[in-house]
């Protein structure tokens, strides 16, 4: 069974359950679902924008480069072929 089929089956199952709710309960559910979607969208936008930004450091660019070069370590070991 494909994902689309599973999702469709789940949605149809939820709809059968929701048919038994009163109109007020359905409206309340719609309101809560709408709010959860808005929150989800806001969180996604926030996390997306948090991935970008300037590098925050008191060091200058040249000092950062020098530090990177100084702290590099090489652990390459050449294994002789027999």
PDB file of N, CA and C in Angstrom:
ATOM      1  N   UNK A   1       0.849  -1.172   0.000  1.00  0.00           N
ATOM      2  CA  UNK A   1       0.000   0.000   0.000  1.00  0.00           C
ATOM      3  C   UNK A   1       0.897   1.239   0.000  1.00  0.00           C
ATOM      4  N   UNK A   2       0.606   2.160  -0.868  1.00  0.00           N
ATOM      5  CA  UNK A   2       1.408   3.373  -0.971  1.00  0.00           C
ATOM      6  C   UNK A   2       1.019   4.373   0.108  1.00  0.00           C
ATOM      7  N   UNK A   3       1.900   5.353   0.308  1.00  0.00           N
ATOM      8  CA  UNK A   3       1.662   6.382   1.319  1.00  0.00           C
ATOM      9  C   UNK A   3       0.380   7.144   1.042  1.00  0.00           C
ATOM     10  N   UNK A   4       0.126   7.444  -0.232  1.00  0.00           N
ATOM     11  CA  UNK A   4      -1.086   8.190  -0.596  1.00  0.00           C
ATOM     12  C   UNK A   4      -2.329   7.391  -0.212  1.00  0.00           C
ATOM     13  N   UNK A   5      -2.296   6.092  -0.462  1.00  0.00           N
ATOM     14  CA  UNK A   5      -3.433   5.239  -0.109  1.00  0.00           C
ATOM     15  C   UNK A   5      -3.649   5.201   1.406  1.00  0.00           C
ATOM     16  N   UNK A   6      -2.554   5.121   2.167  1.00  0.00           N
ATOM     17  CA  UNK A   6      -2.658   5.085   3.625  1.00  0.00           C
ATOM     18  C   UNK A   6      -3.236   6.399   4.138  1.00  0.00           C
ATOM     19  N   UNK A   7      -2.738   7.524   3.598  1.00  0.00           N
ATOM     20  CA  UNK A   7      -3.245   8.831   4.021  1.00  0.00           C
ATOM     21  C   UNK A   7      -4.724   8.980   3.693  1.00  0.00           C
ATOM     22  N   UNK A   8      -5.114   8.538   2.514  1.00  0.00           N
ATOM     23  CA  UNK A   8      -6.519   8.625   2.120  1.00  0.00           C
ATOM     24  C   UNK A   8      -7.381   7.778   3.048  1.00  0.00           C
ATOM     25  N   UNK A   9      -6.914   6.597   3.382  1.00  0.00           N
ATOM     26  CA  UNK A   9      -7.647   5.720   4.290  1.00  0.00           C
ATOM     27  C   UNK A   9      -7.780   6.356   5.672  1.00  0.00           C
ATOM     28  N   UNK A  10      -6.693   6.960   6.165  1.00  0.00           N
ATOM     29  CA  UNK A  10      -6.745   7.630   7.469  1.00  0.00           C
ATOM     30  C   UNK A  10      -7.737   8.788   7.457  1.00  0.00           C
ATOM     31  N   UNK A  11      -7.685   9.588   6.409  1.00  0.00           N
ATOM     32  CA  UNK A  11      -8.588  10.740   6.312  1.00  0.00           C
ATOM     33  C   UNK A  11     -10.036  10.283   6.278  1.00  0.00           C
ATOM     34  N   UNK A  12     -10.320   9.245   5.506  1.00  0.00           N
ATOM     35  CA  UNK A  12     -11.693   8.742   5.434  1.00  0.00           C
ATOM     36  C   UNK A  12     -12.148   8.201   6.791  1.00  0.00           C
ATOM     37  N   UNK A  13     -11.240   7.558   7.522  1.00  0.00           N
ATOM     38  CA  UNK A  13     -11.576   7.064   8.858  1.00  0.00           C
ATOM     39  C   UNK A  13     -11.897   8.200   9.815  1.00  0.00           C
ATOM     40  N   UNK A  14     -11.080   9.261   9.760  1.00  0.00           N
ATOM     41  CA  UNK A  14     -11.342  10.432  10.605  1.00  0.00           C
ATOM     42  C   UNK A  14     -12.677  11.073  10.250  1.00  0.00           C
ATOM     43  N   UNK A  15     -12.985  11.159   8.973  1.00  0.00           N
ATOM     44  CA  UNK A  15     -14.256  11.771   8.561  1.00  0.00           C
ATOM     45  C   UNK A  15     -15.452  10.978   9.078  1.00  0.00           C
ATOM     46  N   UNK A  16     -15.344   9.655   9.072  1.00  0.00           N
ATOM     47  CA  UNK A  16     -16.437   8.838   9.609  1.00  0.00           C
ATOM     48  C   UNK A  16     -16.630   9.116  11.098  1.00  0.00           C
ATOM     49  N   UNK A  17     -15.526   9.290  11.823  1.00  0.00           N
ATOM     50  CA  UNK A  17     -15.623   9.620  13.252  1.00  0.00           C
ATOM     51  C   UNK A  17     -16.215  11.008  13.461  1.00  0.00           C
ATOM     52  N   UNK A  18     -15.807  11.958  12.622  1.00  0.00           N
ATOM     53  CA  UNK A  18     -16.248  13.339  12.781  1.00  0.00           C
ATOM     54  C   UNK A  18     -17.717  13.531  12.437  1.00  0.00           C
ATOM     55  N   UNK A  19     -18.269  12.664  11.622  1.00  0.00           N
ATOM     56  CA  UNK A  19     -19.682  12.784  11.258  1.00  0.00           C
ATOM     57  C   UNK A  19     -20.593  12.675  12.477  1.00  0.00           C
ATOM     58  N   UNK A  20     -20.108  12.041  13.533  1.00  0.00           N
ATOM     59  CA  UNK A  20     -20.920  11.874  14.742  1.00  0.00           C
ATOM     60  C   UNK A  20     -20.868  13.088  15.665  1.00  0.00           C
ATOM     61  N   UNK A  21     -20.004  14.056  15.374  1.00  0.00           N
ATOM     62  CA  UNK A  21     -19.887  15.242  16.228  1.00  0.00           C
ATOM     63  C   UNK A  21     -20.998  16.242  15.931  1.00  0.00           C
ATOM     64  N   UNK A  22     -21.294  17.038  16.925  1.00  0.00           N
ATOM     65  CA  UNK A  22     -22.279  18.110  16.737  1.00  0.00           C
ATOM     66  C   UNK A  22     -21.639  19.217  15.905  1.00  0.00           C
ATOM     67  N   UNK A  23     -22.459  20.074  15.286  1.00  0.00           N
ATOM     68  CA  UNK A  23     -21.907  21.188  14.502  1.00  0.00           C
ATOM     69  C   UNK A  23     -20.974  22.082  15.323  1.00  0.00           C
ATOM     70  N   UNK A  24     -21.313  22.344  16.583  1.00  0.00           N
ATOM     71  CA  UNK A  24     -20.440  23.172  17.423  1.00  0.00           C
ATOM     72  C   UNK A  24     -19.087  22.502  17.674  1.00  0.00           C
ATOM     73  N   UNK A  25     -19.113  21.201  17.910  1.00  0.00           N
ATOM     74  CA  UNK A  25     -17.859  20.480  18.109  1.00  0.00           C
ATOM     75  C   UNK A  25     -17.016  20.473  16.833  1.00  0.00           C
ATOM     76  N   UNK A  26     -17.678  20.342  15.695  1.00  0.00           N
ATOM     77  CA  UNK A  26     -16.957  20.383  14.419  1.00  0.00           C
ATOM     78  C   UNK A  26     -16.303  21.746  14.210  1.00  0.00           C
ATOM     79  N   UNK A  27     -17.044  22.817  14.525  1.00  0.00           N
ATOM     80  CA  UNK A  27     -16.485  24.165  14.385  1.00  0.00           C
ATOM     81  C   UNK A  27     -15.307  24.371  15.337  1.00  0.00           C
ATOM     82  N   UNK A  28     -15.427  23.847  16.549  1.00  0.00           N
ATOM     83  CA  UNK A  28     -14.330  23.945  17.511  1.00  0.00           C
ATOM     84  C   UNK A  28     -13.101  23.196  16.999  1.00  0.00           C
ATOM     85  N   UNK A  29     -13.315  22.029  16.435  1.00  0.00           N
ATOM     86  CA  UNK A  29     -12.218  21.243  15.878  1.00  0.00           C
ATOM     87  C   UNK A  29     -11.557  21.975  14.713  1.00  0.00           C
ATOM     88  N   UNK A  30     -12.369  22.572  13.848  1.00  0.00           N
ATOM     89  CA  UNK A  30     -11.834  23.347  12.724  1.00  0.00           C
ATOM     90  C   UNK A  30     -10.966  24.484  13.236  1.00  0.00           C
ATOM     91  N   UNK A  31     -11.436  25.163  14.258  1.00  0.00           N
ATOM     92  CA  UNK A  31     -10.685  26.274  14.840  1.00  0.00           C
ATOM     93  C   UNK A  31      -9.339  25.804  15.389  1.00  0.00           C
ATOM     94  N   UNK A  32      -9.346  24.688  16.102  1.00  0.00           N
ATOM     95  CA  UNK A  32      -8.108  24.168  16.686  1.00  0.00           C
ATOM     96  C   UNK A  32      -7.145  23.672  15.610  1.00  0.00           C
ATOM     97  N   UNK A  33      -7.667  23.033  14.577  1.00  0.00           N
ATOM     98  CA  UNK A  33      -6.811  22.580  13.477  1.00  0.00           C
ATOM     99  C   UNK A  33      -6.190  23.764  12.745  1.00  0.00           C
ATOM    100  N   UNK A  34      -6.991  24.807  12.527  1.00  0.00           N
ATOM    101  CA  UNK A  34      -6.487  26.009  11.867  1.00  0.00           C
ATOM    102  C   UNK A  34      -5.368  26.638  12.684  1.00  0.00           C
ATOM    103  N   UNK A  35      -5.564  26.728  13.981  1.00  0.00           N
ATOM    104  CA  UNK A  35      -4.538  27.297  14.856  1.00  0.00           C
ATOM    105  C   UNK A  35      -3.260  26.459  14.819  1.00  0.00           C
ATOM    106  N   UNK A  36      -3.400  25.139  14.832  1.00  0.00           N
ATOM    107  CA  UNK A  36      -2.212  24.279  14.811  1.00  0.00           C
ATOM    108  C   UNK A  36      -1.447  24.430  13.502  1.00  0.00           C
ATOM    109  N   UNK A  37      -2.159  24.632  12.401  1.00  0.00           N
ATOM    110  CA  UNK A  37      -1.504  24.839  11.106  1.00  0.00           C
ATOM    111  C   UNK A  37      -0.762  26.164  11.096  1.00  0.00           C
ATOM    112  N   UNK A  38      -1.386  27.213  11.627  1.00  0.00           N
ATOM    113  CA  UNK A  38      -0.734  28.526  11.670  1.00  0.00           C
ATOM    114  C   UNK A  38       0.529  28.475  12.519  1.00  0.00           C
ATOM    115  N   UNK A  39       0.467  27.786  13.649  1.00  0.00           N
ATOM    116  CA  UNK A  39       1.638  27.659  14.519  1.00  0.00           C
ATOM    117  C   UNK A  39       2.737  26.880  13.806  1.00  0.00           C
ATOM    118  N   UNK A  40       2.358  25.799  13.124  1.00  0.00           N
ATOM    119  CA  UNK A  40       3.330  24.978  12.406  1.00  0.00           C
ATOM    120  C   UNK A  40       4.027  25.792  11.320  1.00  0.00           C
ATOM    121  N   UNK A  41       3.264  26.582  10.578  1.00  0.00           N
ATOM    122  CA  UNK A  41       3.841  27.409   9.517  1.00  0.00           C
ATOM    123  C   UNK A  41       4.791  28.441  10.112  1.00  0.00           C
ATOM    124  N   UNK A  42       4.406  29.058  11.208  1.00  0.00           N
ATOM    125  CA  UNK A  42       5.258  30.061  11.855  1.00  0.00           C
ATOM    126  C   UNK A  42       6.556  29.433  12.353  1.00  0.00           C
ATOM    127  N   UNK A  43       6.476  28.234  12.927  1.00  0.00           N
ATOM    128  CA  UNK A  43       7.674  27.556  13.420  1.00  0.00           C
ATOM    129  C   UNK A  43       8.599  27.179  12.273  1.00  0.00           C
ATOM    130  N   UNK A  44       8.038  26.741  11.157  1.00  0.00           N
ATOM    131  CA  UNK A  44       8.871  26.390  10.005  1.00  0.00           C
ATOM    132  C   UNK A  44       9.591  27.611   9.456  1.00  0.00           C
ATOM    133  N   UNK A  45       8.868  28.730   9.353  1.00  0.00           N
ATOM    134  CA  UNK A  45       9.497  29.959   8.872  1.00  0.00           C
ATOM    135  C   UNK A  45      10.599  30.381   9.821  1.00  0.00           C
ATOM    136  N   UNK A  46      10.324  30.307  11.121  1.00  0.00           N
ATOM    137  CA  UNK A  46      11.298  30.721  12.123  1.00  0.00           C
ATOM    138  C   UNK A  46      12.551  29.860  12.046  1.00  0.00           C
ATOM    139  N   UNK A  47      12.385  28.553  11.973  1.00  0.00           N
ATOM    140  CA  UNK A  47      13.552  27.673  11.919  1.00  0.00           C
ATOM    141  C   UNK A  47      14.308  27.849  10.610  1.00  0.00           C
ATOM    142  N   UNK A  48      13.609  28.171   9.532  1.00  0.00           N
ATOM    143  CA  UNK A  48      14.263  28.417   8.247  1.00  0.00           C
ATOM    144  C   UNK A  48      15.152  29.645   8.340  1.00  0.00           C
ATOM    145  N   UNK A  49      14.622  30.731   8.898  1.00  0.00           N
ATOM    146  CA  UNK A  49      15.389  31.967   8.976  1.00  0.00           C
ATOM    147  C   UNK A  49      16.503  31.894  10.018  1.00  0.00           C
ATOM    148  N   UNK A  50      16.365  31.026  11.004  1.00  0.00           N
ATOM    149  CA  UNK A  50      17.429  30.867  11.995  1.00  0.00           C
ATOM    150  C   UNK A  50      18.673  30.230  11.377  1.00  0.00           C
ATOM    151  N   UNK A  51      18.506  29.563  10.239  1.00  0.00           N
ATOM    152  CA  UNK A  51      19.639  28.920   9.584  1.00  0.00           C
ATOM    153  C   UNK A  51      20.561  29.934   8.915  1.00  0.00           C
ATOM    154  N   UNK A  52      20.126  31.160   8.788  1.00  0.00           N
ATOM    155  CA  UNK A  52      20.913  32.186   8.124  1.00  0.00           C
ATOM    156  C   UNK A  52      21.325  33.247   9.126  1.00  0.00           C
ATOM    157  N   UNK A  53      22.342  33.990   8.751  1.00  0.00           N
ATOM    158  CA  UNK A  53      22.744  35.096   9.613  1.00  0.00           C
ATOM    159  C   UNK A  53      24.237  35.325   9.544  1.00  0.00           C
ATOM    160  N   UNK A  54      24.652  36.373  10.170  1.00  0.00           N
ATOM    161  CA  UNK A  54      26.059  36.736  10.164  1.00  0.00           C
ATOM    162  C   UNK A  54      26.815  35.942  11.218  1.00  0.00           C
ATOM    163  N   UNK A  55      28.078  35.762  10.956  1.00  0.00           N
ATOM    164  CA  UNK A  55      28.960  35.108  11.915  1.00  0.00           C
ATOM    165  C   UNK A  55      29.204  36.073  13.054  1.00  0.00           C
ATOM    166  N   UNK A  56      28.959  35.646  14.274  1.00  0.00           N
ATOM    167  CA  UNK A  56      29.147  36.520  15.420  1.00  0.00           C
ATOM    168  C   UNK A  56      30.447  36.158  16.127  1.00  0.00           C
ATOM    169  N   UNK A  57      31.411  37.069  16.056  1.00  0.00           N
ATOM    170  CA  UNK A  57      32.686  36.858  16.716  1.00  0.00           C
ATOM    171  C   UNK A  57      33.364  38.201  16.931  1.00  0.00           C
ATOM    172  N   UNK A  58      34.167  38.267  17.977  1.00  0.00           N
ATOM    173  CA  UNK A  58      34.926  39.492  18.220  1.00  0.00           C
ATOM    174  C   UNK A  58      36.208  39.508  17.402  1.00  0.00           C
ATOM    175  N   UNK A  59      36.571  38.358  16.834  1.00  0.00           N
ATOM    176  CA  UNK A  59      37.784  38.268  16.030  1.00  0.00           C
ATOM    177  C   UNK A  59      37.529  38.793  14.621  1.00  0.00           C
ATOM    178  N   UNK A  60      38.577  39.319  14.020  1.00  0.00           N
ATOM    179  CA  UNK A  60      38.454  39.759  12.629  1.00  0.00           C
ATOM    180  C   UNK A  60      38.504  38.530  11.725  1.00  0.00           C
ATOM    181  N   UNK A  61      38.180  38.717  10.468  1.00  0.00           N
ATOM    182  CA  UNK A  61      38.192  37.606   9.516  1.00  0.00           C
ATOM    183  C   UNK A  61      39.592  37.010   9.410  1.00  0.00           C
ATOM    184  N   UNK A  62      40.614  37.862   9.367  1.00  0.00           N
ATOM    185  CA  UNK A  62      41.991  37.368   9.271  1.00  0.00           C
ATOM    186  C   UNK A  62      42.386  36.578  10.515  1.00  0.00           C
ATOM    187  N   UNK A  63      41.945  37.015  11.683  1.00  0.00           N
ATOM    188  CA  UNK A  63      42.255  36.296  12.915  1.00  0.00           C
ATOM    189  C   UNK A  63      41.572  34.929  12.941  1.00  0.00           C
ATOM    190  N   UNK A  64      40.366  34.867  12.439  1.00  0.00           N
ATOM    191  CA  UNK A  64      39.648  33.587  12.378  1.00  0.00           C
ATOM    192  C   UNK A  64      40.365  32.640  11.434  1.00  0.00           C
ATOM    193  N   UNK A  65      40.782  33.149  10.276  1.00  0.00           N
ATOM    194  CA  UNK A  65      41.503  32.320   9.302  1.00  0.00           C
ATOM    195  C   UNK A  65      42.804  31.815   9.905  1.00  0.00           C
ATOM    196  N   UNK A  66      43.550  32.694  10.570  1.00  0.00           N
ATOM    197  CA  UNK A  66      44.804  32.284  11.208  1.00  0.00           C
ATOM    198  C   UNK A  66      44.559  31.209  12.264  1.00  0.00           C
ATOM    199  N   UNK A  67      43.497  31.374  13.041  1.00  0.00           N
ATOM    200  CA  UNK A  67      43.180  30.384  14.072  1.00  0.00           C
ATOM    201  C   UNK A  67      42.847  29.033  13.454  1.00  0.00           C
ATOM    202  N   UNK A  68      42.101  29.050  12.375  1.00  0.00           N
ATOM    203  CA  UNK A  68      41.762  27.795  11.681  1.00  0.00           C
ATOM    204  C   UNK A  68      43.032  27.121  11.190  1.00  0.00           C
ATOM    205  N   UNK A  69      43.927  27.890  10.579  1.00  0.00           N
ATOM    206  CA  UNK A  69      45.176  27.316  10.074  1.00  0.00           C
ATOM    207  C   UNK A  69      46.039  26.772  11.213  1.00  0.00           C
ATOM    208  N   UNK A  70      46.100  27.466  12.329  1.00  0.00           N
ATOM    209  CA  UNK A  70      46.921  27.039  13.461  1.00  0.00           C
ATOM    210  C   UNK A  70      46.390  25.767  14.114  1.00  0.00           C
ATOM    211  N   UNK A  71      45.085  25.619  14.155  1.00  0.00           N
ATOM    212  CA  UNK A  71      44.506  24.487  14.891  1.00  0.00           C
ATOM    213  C   UNK A  71      44.240  23.266  14.022  1.00  0.00           C
ATOM    214  N   UNK A  72      44.552  23.358  12.745  1.00  0.00           N
ATOM    215  CA  UNK A  72      44.351  22.188  11.888  1.00  0.00           C
ATOM    216  C   UNK A  72      45.318  21.081  12.277  1.00  0.00           C
ATOM    217  N   UNK A  73      44.832  19.877  12.238  1.00  0.00           N
ATOM    218  CA  UNK A  73      45.698  18.723  12.485  1.00  0.00           C
ATOM    219  C   UNK A  73      45.550  17.763  11.322  1.00  0.00           C
ATOM    220  N   UNK A  74      46.635  17.129  11.015  1.00  0.00           N
ATOM    221  CA  UNK A  74      46.628  16.158   9.930  1.00  0.00           C
ATOM    222  C   UNK A  74      46.967  14.802  10.531  1.00  0.00           C
ATOM    223  N   UNK A  75      46.147  13.850  10.307  1.00  0.00           N
ATOM    224  CA  UNK A  75      46.382  12.519  10.858  1.00  0.00           C
ATOM    225  C   UNK A  75      46.498  11.478   9.749  1.00  0.00           C
ATOM    226  N   UNK A  76      46.859  11.936   8.594  1.00  0.00           N
ATOM    227  CA  UNK A  76      46.985  11.025   7.460  1.00  0.00           C
ATOM    228  C   UNK A  76      48.226  10.171   7.663  1.00  0.00           C
ATOM    229  N   UNK A  77      48.056   8.892   7.564  1.00  0.00           N
ATOM    230  CA  UNK A  77      49.177   7.970   7.679  1.00  0.00           C
ATOM    231  C   UNK A  77      49.269   7.182   6.384  1.00  0.00           C
ATOM    232  N   UNK A  78      50.408   7.263   5.769  1.00  0.00           N
ATOM    233  CA  UNK A  78      50.616   6.547   4.517  1.00  0.00           C
ATOM    234  C   UNK A  78      51.017   5.121   4.862  1.00  0.00           C
ATOM    235  N   UNK A  79      50.262   4.179   4.348  1.00  0.00           N
ATOM    236  CA  UNK A  79      50.538   2.770   4.598  1.00  0.00           C
ATOM    237  C   UNK A  79      51.318   2.242   3.400  1.00  0.00           C
ATOM    238  N   UNK A  80      52.528   1.732   3.642  1.00  0.00           N
ATOM    239  CA  UNK A  80      53.313   1.221   2.507  1.00  0.00           C
ATOM    240  C   UNK A  80      52.664  -0.034   1.931  1.00  0.00           C
ATOM    241  N   UNK A  81      52.693  -0.132   0.617  1.00  0.00           N
ATOM    242  CA  UNK A  81      52.126  -1.305  -0.057  1.00  0.00           C
ATOM    243  C   UNK A  81      53.191  -2.380  -0.128  1.00  0.00           C
ATOM    244  N   UNK A  82      52.828  -3.579   0.146  1.00  0.00           N
ATOM    245  CA  UNK A  82      53.787  -4.697   0.135  1.00  0.00           C
ATOM    246  C   UNK A  82      53.701  -5.462  -1.147  1.00  0.00           C
TER     247      UNK A  82
END
